[in-house]
N, C-alpha and C. Protein backbone atom coordinates (compact mmCIF):
# COMPACT_ATOMS: atom_id res chain seq x y z
N MET A 1 0.83 -1.19 0.00
CA MET A 1 0.00 0.00 0.00
C MET A 1 0.87 1.26 0.00
N THR A 2 1.95 1.23 0.77
CA THR A 2 2.80 2.41 0.81
C THR A 2 3.39 2.71 -0.56
N GLY A 3 3.76 1.68 -1.29
CA GLY A 3 4.29 1.87 -2.63
C GLY A 3 3.27 2.47 -3.58
N VAL A 4 2.03 2.03 -3.47
CA VAL A 4 0.97 2.56 -4.33
C VAL A 4 0.72 4.03 -4.02
N LEU A 5 0.69 4.38 -2.76
CA LEU A 5 0.50 5.78 -2.38
C LEU A 5 1.66 6.62 -2.90
N HIS A 6 2.85 6.09 -2.82
CA HIS A 6 4.04 6.76 -3.35
C HIS A 6 3.85 7.04 -4.85
N VAL A 7 3.42 6.03 -5.58
CA VAL A 7 3.22 6.18 -7.02
C VAL A 7 2.11 7.20 -7.31
N LEU A 8 1.02 7.15 -6.58
CA LEU A 8 -0.07 8.09 -6.80
C LEU A 8 0.38 9.54 -6.60
N LEU A 9 1.22 9.76 -5.60
CA LEU A 9 1.72 11.11 -5.37
C LEU A 9 2.67 11.55 -6.48
N HIS A 10 3.49 10.62 -6.97
CA HIS A 10 4.34 10.95 -8.12
C HIS A 10 3.46 11.31 -9.32
N MET A 11 2.41 10.55 -9.53
CA MET A 11 1.51 10.84 -10.65
C MET A 11 0.87 12.21 -10.51
N ALA A 12 0.54 12.60 -9.28
CA ALA A 12 -0.08 13.91 -9.04
C ALA A 12 0.87 15.04 -9.39
N GLU A 13 2.16 14.80 -9.28
CA GLU A 13 3.16 15.83 -9.55
C GLU A 13 3.64 15.83 -10.99
N HIS A 14 3.18 14.89 -11.77
CA HIS A 14 3.66 14.70 -13.14
C HIS A 14 2.63 15.21 -14.14
N ASP A 15 3.09 15.99 -15.09
CA ASP A 15 2.20 16.43 -16.17
C ASP A 15 2.16 15.34 -17.22
N GLY A 16 1.01 14.81 -17.47
CA GLY A 16 0.86 13.80 -18.52
C GLY A 16 0.95 12.39 -18.00
N PRO A 17 0.74 11.44 -18.91
CA PRO A 17 0.73 10.03 -18.53
C PRO A 17 2.12 9.53 -18.10
N MET A 18 2.11 8.54 -17.23
CA MET A 18 3.35 7.87 -16.80
C MET A 18 3.23 6.40 -17.17
N THR A 19 4.26 5.86 -17.78
CA THR A 19 4.23 4.46 -18.20
C THR A 19 4.38 3.54 -17.00
N SER A 20 3.98 2.30 -17.19
CA SER A 20 4.17 1.29 -16.15
C SER A 20 5.64 1.13 -15.83
N GLU A 21 6.49 1.29 -16.82
CA GLU A 21 7.93 1.15 -16.61
C GLU A 21 8.45 2.26 -15.70
N THR A 22 8.00 3.49 -15.94
CA THR A 22 8.43 4.62 -15.12
C THR A 22 7.94 4.45 -13.68
N LEU A 23 6.69 4.05 -13.53
CA LEU A 23 6.13 3.85 -12.19
C LEU A 23 6.81 2.69 -11.48
N ALA A 24 7.18 1.67 -12.24
CA ALA A 24 7.87 0.52 -11.65
C ALA A 24 9.22 0.95 -11.06
N LYS A 25 9.88 1.87 -11.72
CA LYS A 25 11.16 2.37 -11.19
C LYS A 25 10.94 3.07 -9.87
N ALA A 26 9.88 3.87 -9.76
CA ALA A 26 9.59 4.58 -8.51
C ALA A 26 9.28 3.61 -7.38
N MET A 27 8.63 2.49 -7.70
CA MET A 27 8.28 1.48 -6.69
C MET A 27 9.34 0.39 -6.56
N GLN A 28 10.35 0.45 -7.40
CA GLN A 28 11.40 -0.57 -7.42
C GLN A 28 10.80 -1.96 -7.57
N THR A 29 10.00 -2.10 -8.63
CA THR A 29 9.34 -3.37 -8.91
C THR A 29 9.26 -3.57 -10.41
N ASN A 30 8.52 -4.57 -10.81
CA ASN A 30 8.36 -4.91 -12.21
C ASN A 30 7.12 -4.20 -12.78
N PRO A 31 7.16 -3.77 -14.04
CA PRO A 31 5.99 -3.13 -14.66
C PRO A 31 4.73 -4.00 -14.62
N VAL A 32 4.88 -5.31 -14.63
CA VAL A 32 3.72 -6.20 -14.55
C VAL A 32 3.01 -6.02 -13.21
N VAL A 33 3.79 -5.83 -12.16
CA VAL A 33 3.21 -5.60 -10.83
C VAL A 33 2.42 -4.29 -10.84
N ILE A 34 2.98 -3.27 -11.47
CA ILE A 34 2.30 -1.98 -11.56
C ILE A 34 0.97 -2.14 -12.27
N ARG A 35 0.97 -2.82 -13.41
CA ARG A 35 -0.27 -2.98 -14.17
C ARG A 35 -1.33 -3.73 -13.36
N ARG A 36 -0.91 -4.73 -12.62
CA ARG A 36 -1.86 -5.50 -11.81
C ARG A 36 -2.43 -4.64 -10.69
N VAL A 37 -1.58 -3.88 -10.01
CA VAL A 37 -2.02 -3.02 -8.91
C VAL A 37 -2.90 -1.89 -9.43
N MET A 38 -2.48 -1.30 -10.53
CA MET A 38 -3.22 -0.16 -11.07
C MET A 38 -4.59 -0.56 -11.61
N ALA A 39 -4.76 -1.82 -11.96
CA ALA A 39 -6.05 -2.28 -12.48
C ALA A 39 -7.15 -2.04 -11.45
N GLY A 40 -6.88 -2.33 -10.19
CA GLY A 40 -7.88 -2.09 -9.14
C GLY A 40 -8.18 -0.62 -8.96
N LEU A 41 -7.15 0.20 -9.08
CA LEU A 41 -7.35 1.65 -8.97
C LEU A 41 -8.13 2.18 -10.18
N ARG A 42 -7.87 1.60 -11.34
CA ARG A 42 -8.61 1.99 -12.55
C ARG A 42 -10.07 1.59 -12.41
N ASP A 43 -10.33 0.38 -11.95
CA ASP A 43 -11.70 -0.09 -11.77
C ASP A 43 -12.47 0.80 -10.79
N ALA A 44 -11.77 1.35 -9.81
CA ALA A 44 -12.41 2.24 -8.84
C ALA A 44 -12.54 3.67 -9.36
N GLY A 45 -11.94 3.95 -10.52
CA GLY A 45 -12.05 5.28 -11.12
C GLY A 45 -11.01 6.28 -10.64
N TYR A 46 -9.96 5.82 -9.97
CA TYR A 46 -8.94 6.72 -9.44
C TYR A 46 -7.84 7.02 -10.45
N VAL A 47 -7.60 6.09 -11.37
CA VAL A 47 -6.61 6.29 -12.44
C VAL A 47 -7.22 5.82 -13.75
N ARG A 48 -6.59 6.22 -14.84
CA ARG A 48 -7.00 5.72 -16.14
C ARG A 48 -5.73 5.42 -16.92
N SER A 49 -5.87 4.58 -17.91
CA SER A 49 -4.71 4.23 -18.73
C SER A 49 -5.05 4.42 -20.20
N GLU A 50 -4.04 4.80 -20.94
CA GLU A 50 -4.17 4.94 -22.38
C GLU A 50 -3.03 4.17 -23.02
N LYS A 51 -3.36 3.42 -24.04
CA LYS A 51 -2.35 2.62 -24.74
C LYS A 51 -1.72 3.42 -25.86
N GLY A 52 -0.64 2.89 -26.36
CA GLY A 52 0.00 3.49 -27.52
C GLY A 52 1.05 4.52 -27.17
N HIS A 53 1.62 5.10 -28.23
CA HIS A 53 2.66 6.11 -28.07
C HIS A 53 2.11 7.30 -27.28
N GLY A 54 2.83 7.71 -26.26
CA GLY A 54 2.38 8.82 -25.42
C GLY A 54 1.37 8.41 -24.38
N GLY A 55 1.07 7.12 -24.31
CA GLY A 55 0.08 6.63 -23.35
C GLY A 55 0.71 6.36 -22.00
N GLY A 56 -0.09 5.85 -21.11
CA GLY A 56 0.36 5.52 -19.77
C GLY A 56 -0.76 5.76 -18.77
N TRP A 57 -0.39 5.88 -17.53
CA TRP A 57 -1.33 6.04 -16.43
C TRP A 57 -1.44 7.51 -16.05
N THR A 58 -2.66 7.96 -15.78
CA THR A 58 -2.90 9.30 -15.26
C THR A 58 -3.92 9.22 -14.14
N LEU A 59 -3.90 10.21 -13.28
CA LEU A 59 -4.91 10.29 -12.22
C LEU A 59 -6.24 10.67 -12.83
N ALA A 60 -7.30 10.11 -12.29
CA ALA A 60 -8.65 10.40 -12.78
C ALA A 60 -9.56 10.81 -11.62
N CYS A 61 -8.94 11.34 -10.57
CA CYS A 61 -9.73 11.66 -9.37
C CYS A 61 -9.24 12.96 -8.75
N ASP A 62 -10.08 13.49 -7.88
CA ASP A 62 -9.73 14.64 -7.06
C ASP A 62 -9.02 14.10 -5.83
N LEU A 63 -7.78 14.52 -5.61
CA LEU A 63 -7.00 14.01 -4.48
C LEU A 63 -7.70 14.26 -3.14
N GLY A 64 -8.49 15.30 -3.07
CA GLY A 64 -9.20 15.61 -1.84
C GLY A 64 -10.38 14.70 -1.56
N ALA A 65 -10.81 13.97 -2.58
CA ALA A 65 -11.98 13.10 -2.43
C ALA A 65 -11.62 11.64 -2.19
N VAL A 66 -10.33 11.32 -2.26
CA VAL A 66 -9.90 9.92 -2.13
C VAL A 66 -9.12 9.76 -0.83
N THR A 67 -9.59 8.84 0.00
CA THR A 67 -8.93 8.57 1.27
C THR A 67 -8.02 7.35 1.15
N LEU A 68 -7.19 7.18 2.16
CA LEU A 68 -6.36 5.97 2.21
C LEU A 68 -7.23 4.72 2.27
N ARG A 69 -8.38 4.82 2.91
CA ARG A 69 -9.31 3.68 2.96
C ARG A 69 -9.82 3.36 1.56
N ASP A 70 -10.09 4.37 0.75
CA ASP A 70 -10.53 4.14 -0.62
C ASP A 70 -9.47 3.38 -1.41
N VAL A 71 -8.23 3.79 -1.25
CA VAL A 71 -7.13 3.12 -1.95
C VAL A 71 -6.99 1.69 -1.46
N TYR A 72 -7.05 1.51 -0.14
CA TYR A 72 -6.99 0.17 0.45
C TYR A 72 -8.09 -0.72 -0.13
N ASN A 73 -9.29 -0.21 -0.22
CA ASN A 73 -10.40 -0.99 -0.78
C ASN A 73 -10.16 -1.32 -2.25
N ALA A 74 -9.66 -0.34 -3.01
CA ALA A 74 -9.41 -0.55 -4.44
C ALA A 74 -8.32 -1.59 -4.68
N LEU A 75 -7.43 -1.72 -3.72
CA LEU A 75 -6.35 -2.71 -3.84
C LEU A 75 -6.80 -4.11 -3.43
N GLY A 76 -8.04 -4.25 -3.03
CA GLY A 76 -8.56 -5.57 -2.67
C GLY A 76 -8.32 -5.96 -1.23
N HIS A 77 -8.18 -4.97 -0.35
CA HIS A 77 -8.02 -5.21 1.09
C HIS A 77 -6.75 -6.01 1.41
N PRO A 78 -5.58 -5.49 1.05
CA PRO A 78 -4.35 -6.23 1.35
C PRO A 78 -4.14 -6.35 2.86
N ALA A 79 -3.33 -7.30 3.26
CA ALA A 79 -3.04 -7.51 4.68
C ALA A 79 -2.45 -6.23 5.27
N LEU A 80 -2.94 -5.86 6.42
CA LEU A 80 -2.46 -4.65 7.09
C LEU A 80 -1.34 -4.94 8.07
N LEU A 81 -1.39 -6.10 8.66
CA LEU A 81 -0.40 -6.47 9.66
C LEU A 81 0.45 -7.62 9.14
N SER A 82 1.74 -7.53 9.40
CA SER A 82 2.62 -8.58 8.89
C SER A 82 2.78 -9.73 9.88
N ILE A 83 2.20 -9.59 11.04
CA ILE A 83 2.25 -10.70 11.99
C ILE A 83 0.89 -11.40 11.99
N GLY A 84 0.89 -12.64 12.37
CA GLY A 84 -0.36 -13.39 12.38
C GLY A 84 -0.29 -14.53 13.37
N ASN A 85 -1.34 -15.29 13.38
CA ASN A 85 -1.42 -16.42 14.30
C ASN A 85 -0.57 -17.59 13.85
N ARG A 86 -0.13 -18.35 14.82
CA ARG A 86 0.61 -19.59 14.55
C ARG A 86 -0.42 -20.64 14.15
N THR A 87 -0.09 -21.42 13.12
CA THR A 87 -1.05 -22.43 12.63
C THR A 87 -0.40 -23.79 12.46
N GLU A 88 0.75 -23.99 13.07
CA GLU A 88 1.46 -25.25 12.91
C GLU A 88 0.77 -26.43 13.61
N SER A 89 0.08 -26.15 14.71
CA SER A 89 -0.58 -27.21 15.48
C SER A 89 -2.01 -26.80 15.83
N PRO A 90 -2.90 -26.84 14.85
CA PRO A 90 -4.27 -26.34 15.10
C PRO A 90 -5.01 -27.09 16.21
N GLY A 91 -4.62 -28.31 16.51
CA GLY A 91 -5.28 -29.05 17.57
C GLY A 91 -4.75 -28.74 18.96
N CYS A 92 -3.67 -28.00 19.06
CA CYS A 92 -3.05 -27.67 20.34
C CYS A 92 -3.89 -26.63 21.07
N LEU A 93 -4.28 -26.93 22.29
CA LEU A 93 -5.12 -26.03 23.07
C LEU A 93 -4.39 -24.74 23.44
N VAL A 94 -3.08 -24.83 23.67
CA VAL A 94 -2.31 -23.62 23.97
C VAL A 94 -2.31 -22.71 22.74
N GLU A 95 -2.05 -23.29 21.57
CA GLU A 95 -2.07 -22.50 20.35
C GLU A 95 -3.44 -21.87 20.14
N GLN A 96 -4.49 -22.61 20.41
CA GLN A 96 -5.84 -22.07 20.25
C GLN A 96 -6.08 -20.89 21.18
N ALA A 97 -5.64 -21.01 22.44
CA ALA A 97 -5.83 -19.92 23.41
C ALA A 97 -5.05 -18.67 23.00
N VAL A 98 -3.81 -18.89 22.59
CA VAL A 98 -2.98 -17.76 22.16
C VAL A 98 -3.59 -17.11 20.92
N ASN A 99 -3.97 -17.92 19.94
CA ASN A 99 -4.54 -17.38 18.71
C ASN A 99 -5.84 -16.62 18.96
N ALA A 100 -6.65 -17.11 19.89
CA ALA A 100 -7.90 -16.41 20.20
C ALA A 100 -7.62 -15.02 20.76
N ALA A 101 -6.66 -14.93 21.68
CA ALA A 101 -6.31 -13.64 22.27
C ALA A 101 -5.70 -12.71 21.22
N LEU A 102 -4.80 -13.24 20.42
CA LEU A 102 -4.16 -12.42 19.40
C LEU A 102 -5.14 -12.00 18.31
N SER A 103 -6.05 -12.89 17.94
CA SER A 103 -7.02 -12.56 16.90
C SER A 103 -7.84 -11.34 17.29
N ASP A 104 -8.27 -11.28 18.54
CA ASP A 104 -9.03 -10.12 19.01
C ASP A 104 -8.19 -8.85 18.91
N ALA A 105 -6.94 -8.94 19.33
CA ALA A 105 -6.05 -7.77 19.28
C ALA A 105 -5.81 -7.35 17.83
N PHE A 106 -5.60 -8.32 16.94
CA PHE A 106 -5.37 -8.01 15.53
C PHE A 106 -6.60 -7.32 14.93
N ARG A 107 -7.79 -7.83 15.24
CA ARG A 107 -9.01 -7.22 14.71
C ARG A 107 -9.17 -5.78 15.20
N GLU A 108 -8.89 -5.57 16.48
CA GLU A 108 -9.00 -4.22 17.04
C GLU A 108 -7.98 -3.28 16.39
N ALA A 109 -6.76 -3.75 16.20
CA ALA A 109 -5.72 -2.92 15.58
C ALA A 109 -6.09 -2.59 14.14
N GLU A 110 -6.59 -3.56 13.41
CA GLU A 110 -6.99 -3.31 12.02
C GLU A 110 -8.16 -2.33 11.95
N ALA A 111 -9.12 -2.47 12.85
CA ALA A 111 -10.27 -1.55 12.85
C ALA A 111 -9.81 -0.12 13.13
N LEU A 112 -8.89 0.05 14.07
CA LEU A 112 -8.35 1.36 14.39
C LEU A 112 -7.59 1.95 13.20
N LEU A 113 -6.78 1.13 12.56
CA LEU A 113 -6.02 1.58 11.40
C LEU A 113 -6.93 1.97 10.24
N LEU A 114 -7.93 1.15 9.97
CA LEU A 114 -8.87 1.47 8.88
C LEU A 114 -9.67 2.74 9.18
N ALA A 115 -10.02 2.95 10.43
CA ALA A 115 -10.73 4.17 10.80
C ALA A 115 -9.84 5.39 10.54
N ARG A 116 -8.58 5.26 10.85
CA ARG A 116 -7.63 6.37 10.58
C ARG A 116 -7.48 6.59 9.08
N PHE A 117 -7.42 5.50 8.31
CA PHE A 117 -7.32 5.60 6.85
C PHE A 117 -8.47 6.44 6.27
N GLU A 118 -9.64 6.38 6.89
CA GLU A 118 -10.80 7.12 6.39
C GLU A 118 -10.64 8.62 6.58
N THR A 119 -9.70 9.04 7.42
CA THR A 119 -9.55 10.47 7.72
C THR A 119 -8.41 11.13 6.95
N VAL A 120 -7.64 10.36 6.20
CA VAL A 120 -6.49 10.91 5.49
C VAL A 120 -6.74 10.83 3.99
N THR A 121 -6.68 11.98 3.32
CA THR A 121 -6.88 12.01 1.88
C THR A 121 -5.54 12.06 1.16
N LEU A 122 -5.59 11.75 -0.13
CA LEU A 122 -4.39 11.89 -0.96
C LEU A 122 -3.95 13.35 -1.00
N ALA A 123 -4.90 14.28 -0.94
CA ALA A 123 -4.56 15.70 -0.92
C ALA A 123 -3.76 16.04 0.34
N ALA A 124 -4.09 15.43 1.47
CA ALA A 124 -3.34 15.67 2.71
C ALA A 124 -1.91 15.17 2.57
N LEU A 125 -1.73 14.02 1.94
CA LEU A 125 -0.37 13.51 1.72
C LEU A 125 0.40 14.44 0.80
N SER A 126 -0.25 14.93 -0.25
CA SER A 126 0.40 15.84 -1.18
C SER A 126 0.79 17.14 -0.47
N ALA A 127 -0.10 17.66 0.36
CA ALA A 127 0.19 18.88 1.10
C ALA A 127 1.37 18.68 2.04
N ASP A 128 1.44 17.53 2.69
CA ASP A 128 2.55 17.22 3.58
C ASP A 128 3.86 17.17 2.79
N PHE A 129 3.83 16.54 1.62
CA PHE A 129 5.00 16.47 0.75
C PHE A 129 5.48 17.89 0.39
N HIS A 130 4.55 18.75 -0.02
CA HIS A 130 4.92 20.11 -0.41
C HIS A 130 5.43 20.92 0.78
N ALA A 131 4.86 20.70 1.96
CA ALA A 131 5.34 21.38 3.16
C ALA A 131 6.77 20.95 3.49
N ARG A 132 7.06 19.67 3.29
CA ARG A 132 8.42 19.18 3.55
C ARG A 132 9.41 19.77 2.55
N LEU A 133 8.98 19.91 1.31
CA LEU A 133 9.84 20.55 0.31
C LEU A 133 10.15 21.99 0.72
N LYS A 134 9.11 22.72 1.10
CA LYS A 134 9.27 24.12 1.48
C LYS A 134 10.17 24.25 2.70
N GLN A 135 9.98 23.34 3.67
CA GLN A 135 10.79 23.36 4.89
C GLN A 135 12.27 23.18 4.57
N ARG A 136 12.57 22.40 3.56
CA ARG A 136 13.96 22.18 3.16
C ARG A 136 14.45 23.24 2.17
N GLY A 137 13.57 24.14 1.78
CA GLY A 137 13.96 25.18 0.84
C GLY A 137 14.14 24.66 -0.58
N ILE A 138 13.41 23.60 -0.90
CA ILE A 138 13.52 23.00 -2.22
C ILE A 138 12.39 23.52 -3.10
N SER A 139 12.75 23.98 -4.25
CA SER A 139 11.76 24.41 -5.23
C SER A 139 11.41 23.19 -6.08
N PHE A 140 10.16 22.82 -6.04
CA PHE A 140 9.73 21.62 -6.73
C PHE A 140 9.47 21.91 -8.20
N ALA A 141 10.03 21.08 -9.04
CA ALA A 141 9.74 21.16 -10.47
C ALA A 141 9.02 19.89 -10.86
N LYS A 142 7.99 20.05 -11.69
CA LYS A 142 7.28 18.86 -12.18
C LYS A 142 8.29 17.90 -12.79
N ASP A 143 7.97 16.62 -12.70
CA ASP A 143 8.81 15.57 -13.29
C ASP A 143 10.19 15.53 -12.65
N HIS A 144 10.26 15.76 -11.35
CA HIS A 144 11.55 15.73 -10.65
C HIS A 144 12.12 14.33 -10.59
N ASP A 145 13.39 14.30 -10.28
CA ASP A 145 14.02 13.00 -10.03
C ASP A 145 13.57 12.53 -8.66
N HIS A 146 13.65 11.25 -8.45
CA HIS A 146 13.25 10.62 -7.20
C HIS A 146 14.39 10.83 -6.20
N GLY A 147 14.33 11.92 -5.46
CA GLY A 147 15.43 12.24 -4.58
C GLY A 147 15.11 12.12 -3.11
N ASP A 148 14.27 11.14 -2.74
CA ASP A 148 13.94 11.05 -1.31
C ASP A 148 14.77 10.06 -0.62
C-alpha cells in the first residue's frame, strides 16, 4: 500500500501520462506488478490508462476526495499487519488460546487503522510532501528525479 501511495503522489506531480515502466522504477518493482495493482485503482475510477505512443497512467480523481481507505479498498483489502497467528498445530489447546487472544487484538488494531485511513486524503499527503519541500527550501519542479 505504501508503494501505491508513493506512485499516486508521483503521478499527481507529473504532467501527462506515466508508463508502467516509469512507475515501476519509482516502486522498485516490475511493470507487470504496476499494471496488476493499477487495475484495481482503474476499476475504482482513481486512475486511467491509455495505450500506444504517449500513453500511460494518469490520475482520474480529485485528491481531496480519495482517502487511504478508498485506496486500500481498491487494492482488494491487502493484509495490514505482517504478523499473524501460529497455525502449525491447530489441535493444540495452547495455540488455540494464544490465537484467540491475538485474533481479538489483531481485529482491534486493524479496525483502528482502517478508521484512521478514512480520515487521510491523498490531498493531505500531497500537502505534507509540499510542506516538507518548502521546509527544506527545495523548489519543486514537475517531473523531478526521485530524490527522497
